[in-house]
Amino acid sequence: MKQILAAGLCALALSGFSIPAQAQAKKELKIGVVTLQMKAPFFIAVVRALEAEAPQYKNVKIIVADGNGDVAKVSSDIEDLLAQNVDGFIMNISPLEALPGPLEAIKEAGKPIVLLNRKLKGGEYDTWIGADNLAIGAGVGEAIAKSMGGKGTLLMIRGGPADNSTGNARRDGVLSKVKDTSINVVSAPEFGRWSEDGGIRIMEDMLTKHKEIDAVFCENDAMCLGAQKAIADAKKSGQIKVFGIDGQKAALAQIQQGTNYTASGLNSADILARMGFQRMMAILAGAVPEKDTTTPVIVINKDNVGSFYNPNSIF
């Protein structure tokens, strides 16, 4: 199943065109990889997967720029990569919403841009590959409503900030499936900042304020893994179910083990990276790709986790 999914997604990345590798063998190709930060597991996994994909082309060099979570640093990184005359840019700079100046500078230099994960507002790009977060959220929301039997209290933990379109789309997708039920939705007032530590902190606080919580939805798996630990420390694992998004390896392990981690929506860093790299190589070979490509919507639970859990995966 894993091989079938991977092959299908690779075909989706190429979107009907082939990559003439011999045409690319005439010179060294330098690909600039711009990431907002290298702290969260998802961001690290995207970069590592790109680095793992590149060696199949002997003439390709990957140059990674870590923005350290700073917009100004990201802009500076792009300037530096342009000065190094990279042949193209692969960018995962979520949760940034816009970067019009740097994107315009890249286009003026005639370099192709492949966006992964976040589709930026403003500025031109050649192709974007990412998840339909609203649809994934709706899939997880359907699983939540079914698991809760349409009643009880659902706690929502947000990643932040308030205008983060990825988190908001995931949240809105869940809400679309529980709004017509008798489920009471409570949102944590603070943001978990997409980290496991944040999930622990928020969950501990909410457990003191709400004695009756039946399920928790977090906008990513990292926060939910933290929430799960706080729930276990409070000895409420048998009472509170946990639902996340990303398909992170540690979360899938919990699902496979039959814990209270009930489901996760797939947003594979490995798939995005491999598709993005192959898309870039196709562009450099002269192909014109689809403007926007969304990955399949898959909700992973105890029934299908065996098809997706890989203990050796990066993320």
C-alpha atoms as a PDB file:
ATOM      1  CA  MET A   1       0.000   0.000   0.000  1.00  0.00           C
ATOM      2  CA  LYS A   2       2.794   2.453   0.891  1.00  0.00           C
ATOM      3  CA  GLN A   3       4.494   1.748  -2.446  1.00  0.00           C
ATOM      4  CA  ILE A   4       1.254   2.178  -4.369  1.00  0.00           C
ATOM      5  CA  LEU A   5       0.508   5.489  -2.670  1.00  0.00           C
ATOM      6  CA  ALA A   6       4.044   6.746  -3.251  1.00  0.00           C
ATOM      7  CA  ALA A   7       3.993   5.789  -6.915  1.00  0.00           C
ATOM      8  CA  GLY A   8       0.634   7.454  -7.446  1.00  0.00           C
ATOM      9  CA  LEU A   9       1.740  10.659  -5.791  1.00  0.00           C
ATOM     10  CA  CYS A  10       4.976  10.729  -7.748  1.00  0.00           C
ATOM     11  CA  ALA A  11       2.933  10.456 -10.929  1.00  0.00           C
ATOM     12  CA  LEU A  12       0.740  13.275  -9.657  1.00  0.00           C
ATOM     13  CA  ALA A  13       3.838  15.393  -9.131  1.00  0.00           C
ATOM     14  CA  LEU A  14       4.967  14.917 -12.709  1.00  0.00           C
ATOM     15  CA  SER A  15       1.458  15.656 -14.011  1.00  0.00           C
ATOM     16  CA  GLY A  16       1.850  14.053 -17.387  1.00  0.00           C
ATOM     17  CA  PHE A  17       5.356  15.089 -18.367  1.00  0.00           C
ATOM     18  CA  SER A  18       8.705  13.331 -18.189  1.00  0.00           C
ATOM     19  CA  ILE A  19      12.050  14.647 -17.001  1.00  0.00           C
ATOM     20  CA  PRO A  20      14.827  14.257 -19.583  1.00  0.00           C
ATOM     21  CA  ALA A  21      17.682  13.704 -17.146  1.00  0.00           C
ATOM     22  CA  GLN A  22      20.272  13.774 -19.908  1.00  0.00           C
ATOM     23  CA  ALA A  23      19.286  17.357 -20.685  1.00  0.00           C
ATOM     24  CA  GLN A  24      20.055  18.298 -17.109  1.00  0.00           C
ATOM     25  CA  ALA A  25      23.444  16.575 -17.001  1.00  0.00           C
ATOM     26  CA  LYS A  26      25.251  19.379 -18.859  1.00  0.00           C
ATOM     27  CA  LYS A  27      25.907  21.507 -15.791  1.00  0.00           C
ATOM     28  CA  GLU A  28      25.594  21.540 -12.036  1.00  0.00           C
ATOM     29  CA  LEU A  29      22.165  22.619 -10.885  1.00  0.00           C
ATOM     30  CA  LYS A  30      21.828  24.484  -7.614  1.00  0.00           C
ATOM     31  CA  ILE A  31      18.442  24.379  -5.906  1.00  0.00           C
ATOM     32  CA  GLY A  32      17.820  26.852  -3.100  1.00  0.00           C
ATOM     33  CA  VAL A  33      15.614  25.432  -0.346  1.00  0.00           C
ATOM     34  CA  VAL A  34      14.078  28.141   1.820  1.00  0.00           C
ATOM     35  CA  THR A  35      12.409  27.062   5.067  1.00  0.00           C
ATOM     36  CA  LEU A  36      10.912  29.300   7.725  1.00  0.00           C
ATOM     37  CA  GLN A  37      12.612  27.336  10.482  1.00  0.00           C
ATOM     38  CA  MET A  38      14.293  24.041  11.320  1.00  0.00           C
ATOM     39  CA  LYS A  39      12.782  23.434  14.750  1.00  0.00           C
ATOM     40  CA  ALA A  40       9.367  21.830  14.213  1.00  0.00           C
ATOM     41  CA  PRO A  41       9.515  18.179  13.066  1.00  0.00           C
ATOM     42  CA  PHE A  42       7.452  18.843   9.932  1.00  0.00           C
ATOM     43  CA  PHE A  43       9.822  21.523   8.631  1.00  0.00           C
ATOM     44  CA  ILE A  44      12.861  19.383   9.358  1.00  0.00           C
ATOM     45  CA  ALA A  45      11.269  16.421   7.588  1.00  0.00           C
ATOM     46  CA  VAL A  46      10.551  18.437   4.436  1.00  0.00           C
ATOM     47  CA  VAL A  47      14.200  19.503   4.187  1.00  0.00           C
ATOM     48  CA  ARG A  48      15.550  16.026   4.928  1.00  0.00           C
ATOM     49  CA  ALA A  49      13.259  14.473   2.315  1.00  0.00           C
ATOM     50  CA  LEU A  50      14.410  17.010  -0.292  1.00  0.00           C
ATOM     51  CA  GLU A  51      18.012  16.195   0.567  1.00  0.00           C
ATOM     52  CA  ALA A  52      17.253  12.484   0.232  1.00  0.00           C
ATOM     53  CA  GLU A  53      15.546  12.918  -3.146  1.00  0.00           C
ATOM     54  CA  ALA A  54      18.275  15.017  -4.769  1.00  0.00           C
ATOM     55  CA  PRO A  55      21.092  12.392  -5.082  1.00  0.00           C
ATOM     56  CA  GLN A  56      19.256  10.559  -7.873  1.00  0.00           C
ATOM     57  CA  TYR A  57      20.499  13.462 -10.028  1.00  0.00           C
ATOM     58  CA  LYS A  58      24.303  13.505  -9.902  1.00  0.00           C
ATOM     59  CA  ASN A  59      24.513  17.146 -10.965  1.00  0.00           C
ATOM     60  CA  VAL A  60      22.106  18.632  -8.397  1.00  0.00           C
ATOM     61  CA  LYS A  61      23.245  20.508  -5.320  1.00  0.00           C
ATOM     62  CA  ILE A  62      20.772  21.454  -2.564  1.00  0.00           C
ATOM     63  CA  ILE A  63      21.472  24.663  -0.619  1.00  0.00           C
ATOM     64  CA  VAL A  64      19.308  24.961   2.498  1.00  0.00           C
ATOM     65  CA  ALA A  65      18.530  28.309   4.126  1.00  0.00           C
ATOM     66  CA  ASP A  66      17.022  28.238   7.630  1.00  0.00           C
ATOM     67  CA  GLY A  67      14.988  31.359   8.389  1.00  0.00           C
ATOM     68  CA  ASN A  68      15.045  30.697  12.145  1.00  0.00           C
ATOM     69  CA  GLY A  69      11.391  31.758  12.299  1.00  0.00           C
ATOM     70  CA  ASP A  70      12.249  35.341  11.275  1.00  0.00           C
ATOM     71  CA  VAL A  71      10.619  36.943   8.219  1.00  0.00           C
ATOM     72  CA  ALA A  72      13.556  39.329   7.785  1.00  0.00           C
ATOM     73  CA  LYS A  73      15.963  36.391   7.848  1.00  0.00           C
ATOM     74  CA  VAL A  74      13.898  34.586   5.190  1.00  0.00           C
ATOM     75  CA  SER A  75      14.102  37.641   2.942  1.00  0.00           C
ATOM     76  CA  SER A  76      17.855  37.876   3.526  1.00  0.00           C
ATOM     77  CA  ASP A  77      18.240  34.164   2.768  1.00  0.00           C
ATOM     78  CA  ILE A  78      16.521  34.640  -0.578  1.00  0.00           C
ATOM     79  CA  GLU A  79      18.852  37.524  -1.427  1.00  0.00           C
ATOM     80  CA  ASP A  80      21.852  35.359  -0.550  1.00  0.00           C
ATOM     81  CA  LEU A  81      20.628  32.478  -2.704  1.00  0.00           C
ATOM     82  CA  LEU A  82      20.041  34.822  -5.624  1.00  0.00           C
ATOM     83  CA  ALA A  83      23.614  36.062  -5.188  1.00  0.00           C
ATOM     84  CA  GLN A  84      24.754  32.427  -5.409  1.00  0.00           C
ATOM     85  CA  ASN A  85      22.855  32.162  -8.707  1.00  0.00           C
ATOM     86  CA  VAL A  86      20.745  29.168  -7.758  1.00  0.00           C
ATOM     87  CA  ASP A  87      18.717  27.695 -10.610  1.00  0.00           C
ATOM     88  CA  GLY A  88      15.429  27.483  -8.704  1.00  0.00           C
ATOM     89  CA  PHE A  89      13.741  27.871  -5.342  1.00  0.00           C
ATOM     90  CA  ILE A  90      11.763  25.314  -3.336  1.00  0.00           C
ATOM     91  CA  MET A  91      10.103  27.100  -0.447  1.00  0.00           C
ATOM     92  CA  ASN A  92       8.304  25.908   2.679  1.00  0.00           C
ATOM     93  CA  ILE A  93       7.813  29.107   4.634  1.00  0.00           C
ATOM     94  CA  SER A  94       4.536  28.420   6.409  1.00  0.00           C
ATOM     95  CA  PRO A  95       3.062  30.085   8.436  1.00  0.00           C
ATOM     96  CA  LEU A  96       4.026  33.219   6.497  1.00  0.00           C
ATOM     97  CA  GLU A  97       1.078  34.620   4.551  1.00  0.00           C
ATOM     98  CA  ALA A  98       2.874  36.873   2.075  1.00  0.00           C
ATOM     99  CA  LEU A  99       6.359  37.606   0.821  1.00  0.00           C
ATOM    100  CA  PRO A 100       5.738  39.744  -2.290  1.00  0.00           C
ATOM    101  CA  GLY A 101       9.073  41.574  -2.413  1.00  0.00           C
ATOM    102  CA  PRO A 102      11.354  38.502  -2.322  1.00  0.00           C
ATOM    103  CA  LEU A 103       9.086  36.559  -4.671  1.00  0.00           C
ATOM    104  CA  GLU A 104       9.203  39.421  -7.165  1.00  0.00           C
ATOM    105  CA  ALA A 105      13.007  39.509  -6.922  1.00  0.00           C
ATOM    106  CA  ILE A 106      13.140  35.790  -7.714  1.00  0.00           C
ATOM    107  CA  LYS A 107      10.873  36.177 -10.718  1.00  0.00           C
ATOM    108  CA  GLU A 108      12.862  39.175 -11.987  1.00  0.00           C
ATOM    109  CA  ALA A 109      15.936  36.935 -11.863  1.00  0.00           C
ATOM    110  CA  GLY A 110      14.083  34.375 -13.993  1.00  0.00           C
ATOM    111  CA  LYS A 111      14.208  31.605 -11.389  1.00  0.00           C
ATOM    112  CA  PRO A 112      11.327  29.133 -10.975  1.00  0.00           C
ATOM    113  CA  ILE A 113       9.539  28.935  -7.636  1.00  0.00           C
ATOM    114  CA  VAL A 114       7.999  25.763  -6.186  1.00  0.00           C
ATOM    115  CA  LEU A 115       5.932  26.423  -3.067  1.00  0.00           C
ATOM    116  CA  LEU A 116       5.312  23.594  -0.616  1.00  0.00           C
ATOM    117  CA  ASN A 117       2.683  23.496   2.100  1.00  0.00           C
ATOM    118  CA  ARG A 118       1.752  27.198   2.192  1.00  0.00           C
ATOM    119  CA  LYS A 119       0.408  29.049  -0.826  1.00  0.00           C
ATOM    120  CA  LEU A 120       1.550  32.638  -0.353  1.00  0.00           C
ATOM    121  CA  LYS A 121      -0.720  35.608  -0.987  1.00  0.00           C
ATOM    122  CA  GLY A 122       0.780  38.035  -3.471  1.00  0.00           C
ATOM    123  CA  GLY A 123       3.770  37.460  -5.684  1.00  0.00           C
ATOM    124  CA  GLU A 124       4.123  35.028  -8.560  1.00  0.00           C
ATOM    125  CA  TYR A 125       5.132  31.382  -8.308  1.00  0.00           C
ATOM    126  CA  ASP A 126       5.353  28.546 -10.815  1.00  0.00           C
ATOM    127  CA  THR A 127       3.647  25.785  -8.894  1.00  0.00           C
ATOM    128  CA  TRP A 128       2.293  25.008  -5.440  1.00  0.00           C
ATOM    129  CA  ILE A 129       1.874  21.588  -3.839  1.00  0.00           C
ATOM    130  CA  GLY A 130       0.062  21.215  -0.565  1.00  0.00           C
ATOM    131  CA  ALA A 131      -2.797  19.783   1.385  1.00  0.00           C
ATOM    132  CA  ASP A 132      -6.430  20.869   1.237  1.00  0.00           C
ATOM    133  CA  ASN A 133      -6.496  21.709   4.934  1.00  0.00           C
ATOM    134  CA  LEU A 134     -10.220  22.471   4.971  1.00  0.00           C
ATOM    135  CA  ALA A 135     -11.007  19.058   3.482  1.00  0.00           C
ATOM    136  CA  ILE A 136      -8.583  17.276   5.816  1.00  0.00           C
ATOM    137  CA  GLY A 137     -10.131  19.058   8.776  1.00  0.00           C
ATOM    138  CA  ALA A 138     -13.585  18.006   7.598  1.00  0.00           C
ATOM    139  CA  GLY A 139     -12.416  14.403   7.362  1.00  0.00           C
ATOM    140  CA  VAL A 140     -11.067  14.494  10.901  1.00  0.00           C
ATOM    141  CA  GLY A 141     -14.209  16.317  12.051  1.00  0.00           C
ATOM    142  CA  GLU A 142     -16.344  13.519  10.673  1.00  0.00           C
ATOM    143  CA  ALA A 143     -14.255  11.004  12.610  1.00  0.00           C
ATOM    144  CA  ILE A 144     -14.621  13.109  15.765  1.00  0.00           C
ATOM    145  CA  ALA A 145     -18.406  13.403  15.457  1.00  0.00           C
ATOM    146  CA  LYS A 146     -18.743   9.658  14.869  1.00  0.00           C
ATOM    147  CA  SER A 147     -16.422   8.741  17.728  1.00  0.00           C
ATOM    148  CA  MET A 148     -18.243  11.056  20.143  1.00  0.00           C
ATOM    149  CA  GLY A 149     -21.658   9.853  19.071  1.00  0.00           C
ATOM    150  CA  GLY A 150     -22.659  13.431  18.303  1.00  0.00           C
ATOM    151  CA  LYS A 151     -22.510  14.624  21.921  1.00  0.00           C
ATOM    152  CA  GLY A 152     -20.084  15.640  24.647  1.00  0.00           C
ATOM    153  CA  THR A 153     -17.409  18.332  24.916  1.00  0.00           C
ATOM    154  CA  LEU A 154     -14.711  18.838  22.292  1.00  0.00           C
ATOM    155  CA  LEU A 155     -11.658  20.923  23.170  1.00  0.00           C
ATOM    156  CA  MET A 156      -9.843  22.633  20.292  1.00  0.00           C
ATOM    157  CA  ILE A 157      -6.157  23.578  20.595  1.00  0.00           C
ATOM    158  CA  ARG A 158      -4.943  26.074  18.002  1.00  0.00           C
ATOM    159  CA  GLY A 159      -1.413  26.541  16.753  1.00  0.00           C
ATOM    160  CA  GLY A 160      -1.565  30.296  16.165  1.00  0.00           C
ATOM    161  CA  PRO A 161      -1.309  33.090  15.331  1.00  0.00           C
ATOM    162  CA  ALA A 162      -4.923  34.144  14.869  1.00  0.00           C
ATOM    163  CA  ASP A 163      -4.567  34.753  11.125  1.00  0.00           C
ATOM    164  CA  ASN A 164      -2.800  31.467  10.373  1.00  0.00           C
ATOM    165  CA  SER A 165      -4.722  30.205   7.332  1.00  0.00           C
ATOM    166  CA  THR A 166      -3.509  26.598   7.673  1.00  0.00           C
ATOM    167  CA  GLY A 167      -4.706  26.236  11.243  1.00  0.00           C
ATOM    168  CA  ASN A 168      -7.914  28.137  10.589  1.00  0.00           C
ATOM    169  CA  ALA A 169      -8.789  25.944   7.615  1.00  0.00           C
ATOM    170  CA  ARG A 170      -8.199  22.789   9.651  1.00  0.00           C
ATOM    171  CA  ARG A 171     -10.326  24.141  12.496  1.00  0.00           C
ATOM    172  CA  ASP A 172     -13.113  25.261  10.156  1.00  0.00           C
ATOM    173  CA  GLY A 173     -13.145  21.836   8.527  1.00  0.00           C
ATOM    174  CA  VAL A 174     -13.673  20.160  11.889  1.00  0.00           C
ATOM    175  CA  LEU A 175     -16.359  22.657  12.894  1.00  0.00           C
ATOM    176  CA  SER A 176     -18.233  22.032   9.648  1.00  0.00           C
ATOM    177  CA  LYS A 177     -18.812  18.432  10.744  1.00  0.00           C
ATOM    178  CA  VAL A 178     -19.715  19.033  14.399  1.00  0.00           C
ATOM    179  CA  LYS A 179     -21.807  22.209  14.125  1.00  0.00           C
ATOM    180  CA  ASP A 180     -25.071  20.337  13.519  1.00  0.00           C
ATOM    181  CA  THR A 181     -24.523  17.889  16.380  1.00  0.00           C
ATOM    182  CA  SER A 182     -24.971  18.223  20.133  1.00  0.00           C
ATOM    183  CA  ILE A 183     -21.210  18.465  20.628  1.00  0.00           C
ATOM    184  CA  ASN A 184     -20.147  21.423  22.764  1.00  0.00           C
ATOM    185  CA  VAL A 185     -16.987  23.026  21.348  1.00  0.00           C
ATOM    186  CA  VAL A 186     -14.535  24.780  23.666  1.00  0.00           C
ATOM    187  CA  SER A 187     -11.493  26.576  22.244  1.00  0.00           C
ATOM    188  CA  ALA A 188      -8.390  27.050  24.357  1.00  0.00           C
ATOM    189  CA  PRO A 189      -7.759  30.813  24.670  1.00  0.00           C
ATOM    190  CA  GLU A 190      -3.982  30.488  24.247  1.00  0.00           C
ATOM    191  CA  PHE A 191      -2.046  29.154  21.262  1.00  0.00           C
ATOM    192  CA  GLY A 192      -0.001  25.955  21.451  1.00  0.00           C
ATOM    193  CA  ARG A 193       2.497  27.328  18.903  1.00  0.00           C
ATOM    194  CA  TRP A 194       2.493  24.029  17.007  1.00  0.00           C
ATOM    195  CA  SER A 195       4.797  22.319  19.525  1.00  0.00           C
ATOM    196  CA  GLU A 196       4.522  19.341  21.846  1.00  0.00           C
ATOM    197  CA  ASP A 197       5.462  21.534  24.811  1.00  0.00           C
ATOM    198  CA  GLY A 198       2.691  23.922  23.833  1.00  0.00           C
ATOM    199  CA  GLY A 199       0.196  21.063  23.739  1.00  0.00           C
ATOM    200  CA  ILE A 200       1.212  19.967  27.223  1.00  0.00           C
ATOM    201  CA  ARG A 201       0.925  23.487  28.601  1.00  0.00           C
ATOM    202  CA  ILE A 202      -2.472  24.213  27.036  1.00  0.00           C
ATOM    203  CA  MET A 203      -3.928  20.823  27.991  1.00  0.00           C
ATOM    204  CA  GLU A 204      -2.815  21.089  31.604  1.00  0.00           C
ATOM    205  CA  ASP A 205      -4.457  24.507  31.849  1.00  0.00           C
ATOM    206  CA  MET A 206      -7.710  23.395  30.226  1.00  0.00           C
ATOM    207  CA  LEU A 207      -7.977  20.294  32.409  1.00  0.00           C
ATOM    208  CA  THR A 208      -8.047  22.526  35.467  1.00  0.00           C
ATOM    209  CA  LYS A 209     -10.802  24.683  33.939  1.00  0.00           C
ATOM    210  CA  HIS A 210     -12.999  21.991  32.379  1.00  0.00           C
ATOM    211  CA  LYS A 211     -13.747  18.816  34.288  1.00  0.00           C
ATOM    212  CA  GLU A 212     -15.734  17.242  31.462  1.00  0.00           C
ATOM    213  CA  ILE A 213     -13.739  16.948  28.242  1.00  0.00           C
ATOM    214  CA  ASP A 214     -14.504  14.019  25.967  1.00  0.00           C
ATOM    215  CA  ALA A 215     -12.215  14.715  23.006  1.00  0.00           C
ATOM    216  CA  VAL A 216      -9.408  17.030  21.935  1.00  0.00           C
ATOM    217  CA  PHE A 217      -8.642  18.283  18.447  1.00  0.00           C
ATOM    218  CA  CYS A 218      -5.276  19.918  17.794  1.00  0.00           C
ATOM    219  CA  GLU A 219      -4.352  21.669  14.575  1.00  0.00           C
ATOM    220  CA  ASN A 220      -1.273  19.459  14.306  1.00  0.00           C
ATOM    221  CA  ASP A 221      -0.039  16.174  15.739  1.00  0.00           C
ATOM    222  CA  ALA A 222       2.853  17.672  17.691  1.00  0.00           C
ATOM    223  CA  MET A 223       0.489  19.630  19.950  1.00  0.00           C
ATOM    224  CA  CYS A 224      -1.759  16.590  20.292  1.00  0.00           C
ATOM    225  CA  LEU A 225       1.141  14.402  21.380  1.00  0.00           C
ATOM    226  CA  GLY A 226       1.775  16.925  24.137  1.00  0.00           C
ATOM    227  CA  ALA A 227      -1.916  17.048  25.020  1.00  0.00           C
ATOM    228  CA  GLN A 228      -1.970  13.259  25.189  1.00  0.00           C
ATOM    229  CA  LYS A 229       0.864  13.303  27.725  1.00  0.00           C
ATOM    230  CA  ALA A 230      -0.948  15.852  29.892  1.00  0.00           C
ATOM    231  CA  ILE A 231      -4.104  13.752  29.709  1.00  0.00           C
ATOM    232  CA  ALA A 232      -2.153  10.663  30.770  1.00  0.00           C
ATOM    233  CA  ASP A 233      -0.555  12.547  33.667  1.00  0.00           C
ATOM    234  CA  ALA A 234      -4.058  13.520  34.800  1.00  0.00           C
ATOM    235  CA  LYS A 235      -5.073   9.840  34.541  1.00  0.00           C
ATOM    236  CA  LYS A 236      -7.811  10.633  32.022  1.00  0.00           C
ATOM    237  CA  SER A 237      -6.600   8.617  29.032  1.00  0.00           C
ATOM    238  CA  GLY A 238      -9.658   6.407  29.265  1.00  0.00           C
ATOM    239  CA  GLN A 239     -11.962   9.412  29.172  1.00  0.00           C
ATOM    240  CA  ILE A 240     -10.494  11.760  26.552  1.00  0.00           C
ATOM    241  CA  LYS A 241      -9.830  10.871  22.903  1.00  0.00           C
ATOM    242  CA  VAL A 242      -7.252  12.760  20.858  1.00  0.00           C
ATOM    243  CA  PHE A 243      -7.409  13.801  17.180  1.00  0.00           C
ATOM    244  CA  GLY A 244      -4.725  15.590  15.176  1.00  0.00           C
ATOM    245  CA  ILE A 245      -3.503  16.377  11.679  1.00  0.00           C
ATOM    246  CA  ASP A 246      -0.227  15.669   9.851  1.00  0.00           C
ATOM    247  CA  GLY A 247       0.206  11.896  10.114  1.00  0.00           C
ATOM    248  CA  GLN A 248       3.343  12.337  12.218  1.00  0.00           C
ATOM    249  CA  LYS A 249       5.152   9.064  12.892  1.00  0.00           C
ATOM    250  CA  ALA A 250       4.852   9.351  16.677  1.00  0.00           C
ATOM    251  CA  ALA A 251       1.110   9.957  16.399  1.00  0.00           C
ATOM    252  CA  LEU A 252       0.624   6.994  14.065  1.00  0.00           C
ATOM    253  CA  ALA A 253       2.525   4.807  16.528  1.00  0.00           C
ATOM    254  CA  GLN A 254       0.031   5.809  19.215  1.00  0.00           C
ATOM    255  CA  ILE A 255      -2.896   5.014  16.925  1.00  0.00           C
ATOM    256  CA  GLN A 256      -1.382   1.646  16.042  1.00  0.00           C
ATOM    257  CA  GLN A 257      -0.873   0.818  19.728  1.00  0.00           C
ATOM    258  CA  GLY A 258      -4.584   1.376  20.386  1.00  0.00           C
ATOM    259  CA  THR A 259      -4.165   4.347  22.736  1.00  0.00           C
ATOM    260  CA  ASN A 260      -6.592   7.249  23.047  1.00  0.00           C
ATOM    261  CA  TYR A 261      -4.929   8.852  20.020  1.00  0.00           C
ATOM    262  CA  THR A 262      -7.812   8.077  17.693  1.00  0.00           C
ATOM    263  CA  ALA A 263      -7.127   9.605  14.269  1.00  0.00           C
ATOM    264  CA  SER A 264      -4.907  11.949  12.275  1.00  0.00           C
ATOM    265  CA  GLY A 265      -5.357  13.613   8.896  1.00  0.00           C
ATOM    266  CA  LEU A 266      -2.461  12.901   6.534  1.00  0.00           C
ATOM    267  CA  ASN A 267      -0.197  15.803   5.560  1.00  0.00           C
ATOM    268  CA  SER A 268       2.980  13.992   4.598  1.00  0.00           C
ATOM    269  CA  ALA A 269       6.170  16.037   4.650  1.00  0.00           C
ATOM    270  CA  ASP A 270       7.891  13.282   2.677  1.00  0.00           C
ATOM    271  CA  ILE A 271       5.264  13.245  -0.057  1.00  0.00           C
ATOM    272  CA  LEU A 272       5.234  17.037  -0.378  1.00  0.00           C
ATOM    273  CA  ALA A 273       9.019  17.190  -0.591  1.00  0.00           C
ATOM    274  CA  ARG A 274       9.375  14.409  -3.160  1.00  0.00           C
ATOM    275  CA  MET A 275       6.624  15.857  -5.306  1.00  0.00           C
ATOM    276  CA  GLY A 276       8.110  19.329  -5.003  1.00  0.00           C
ATOM    277  CA  PHE A 277      11.599  18.231  -5.978  1.00  0.00           C
ATOM    278  CA  GLN A 278      10.424  16.277  -9.017  1.00  0.00           C
ATOM    279  CA  ARG A 279       8.236  19.206 -10.038  1.00  0.00           C
ATOM    280  CA  MET A 280      11.253  21.518  -9.887  1.00  0.00           C
ATOM    281  CA  MET A 281      13.339  19.169 -12.005  1.00  0.00           C
ATOM    282  CA  ALA A 282      10.551  19.015 -14.576  1.00  0.00           C
ATOM    283  CA  ILE A 283      10.351  22.816 -14.725  1.00  0.00           C
ATOM    284  CA  LEU A 284      14.110  23.085 -15.202  1.00  0.00           C
ATOM    285  CA  ALA A 285      13.785  20.581 -18.052  1.00  0.00           C
ATOM    286  CA  GLY A 286      11.350  22.933 -19.781  1.00  0.00           C
ATOM    287  CA  ALA A 287       7.983  21.540 -18.696  1.00  0.00           C
ATOM    288  CA  VAL A 288       5.042  23.728 -17.698  1.00  0.00           C
ATOM    289  CA  PRO A 289       3.435  22.238 -14.570  1.00  0.00           C
ATOM    290  CA  GLU A 290      -0.001  22.550 -13.073  1.00  0.00           C
ATOM    291  CA  LYS A 291      -0.295  25.779 -11.111  1.00  0.00           C
ATOM    292  CA  ASP A 292      -1.752  24.181  -7.959  1.00  0.00           C
ATOM    293  CA  THR A 293      -1.799  20.554  -6.813  1.00  0.00           C
ATOM    294  CA  THR A 294      -3.406  19.208  -3.667  1.00  0.00           C
ATOM    295  CA  THR A 295      -2.463  15.911  -2.090  1.00  0.00           C
ATOM    296  CA  PRO A 296      -5.155  13.278  -1.418  1.00  0.00           C
ATOM    297  CA  VAL A 297      -7.354  13.657   1.668  1.00  0.00           C
ATOM    298  CA  ILE A 298      -6.738  10.682   3.962  1.00  0.00           C
ATOM    299  CA  VAL A 299      -7.785  10.194   7.582  1.00  0.00           C
ATOM    300  CA  ILE A 300      -5.654   7.620   9.374  1.00  0.00           C
ATOM    301  CA  ASN A 301      -7.232   5.528  12.134  1.00  0.00           C
ATOM    302  CA  LYS A 302      -6.797   2.095  13.705  1.00  0.00           C
ATOM    303  CA  ASP A 303      -8.280   0.416  10.650  1.00  0.00           C
ATOM    304  CA  ASN A 304      -5.780   1.729   8.095  1.00  0.00           C
ATOM    305  CA  VAL A 305      -2.781   2.882  10.138  1.00  0.00           C
ATOM    306  CA  GLY A 306      -0.795  -0.193   9.111  1.00  0.00           C
ATOM    307  CA  SER A 307      -0.739   1.123   5.549  1.00  0.00           C
ATOM    308  CA  PHE A 308       0.851   4.414   6.566  1.00  0.00           C
ATOM    309  CA  TYR A 309       2.978   3.884   9.651  1.00  0.00           C
ATOM    310  CA  ASN A 310       6.669   3.611   8.857  1.00  0.00           C
ATOM    311  CA  PRO A 311       8.984   3.462  11.898  1.00  0.00           C
ATOM    312  CA  ASN A 312      11.902   4.530   9.694  1.00  0.00           C
ATOM    313  CA  SER A 313      10.271   7.659   8.271  1.00  0.00           C
ATOM    314  CA  ILE A 314      11.771  11.058   9.022  1.00  0.00           C
ATOM    315  CA  PHE A 315       8.542  12.630  10.289  1.00  0.00           C
END
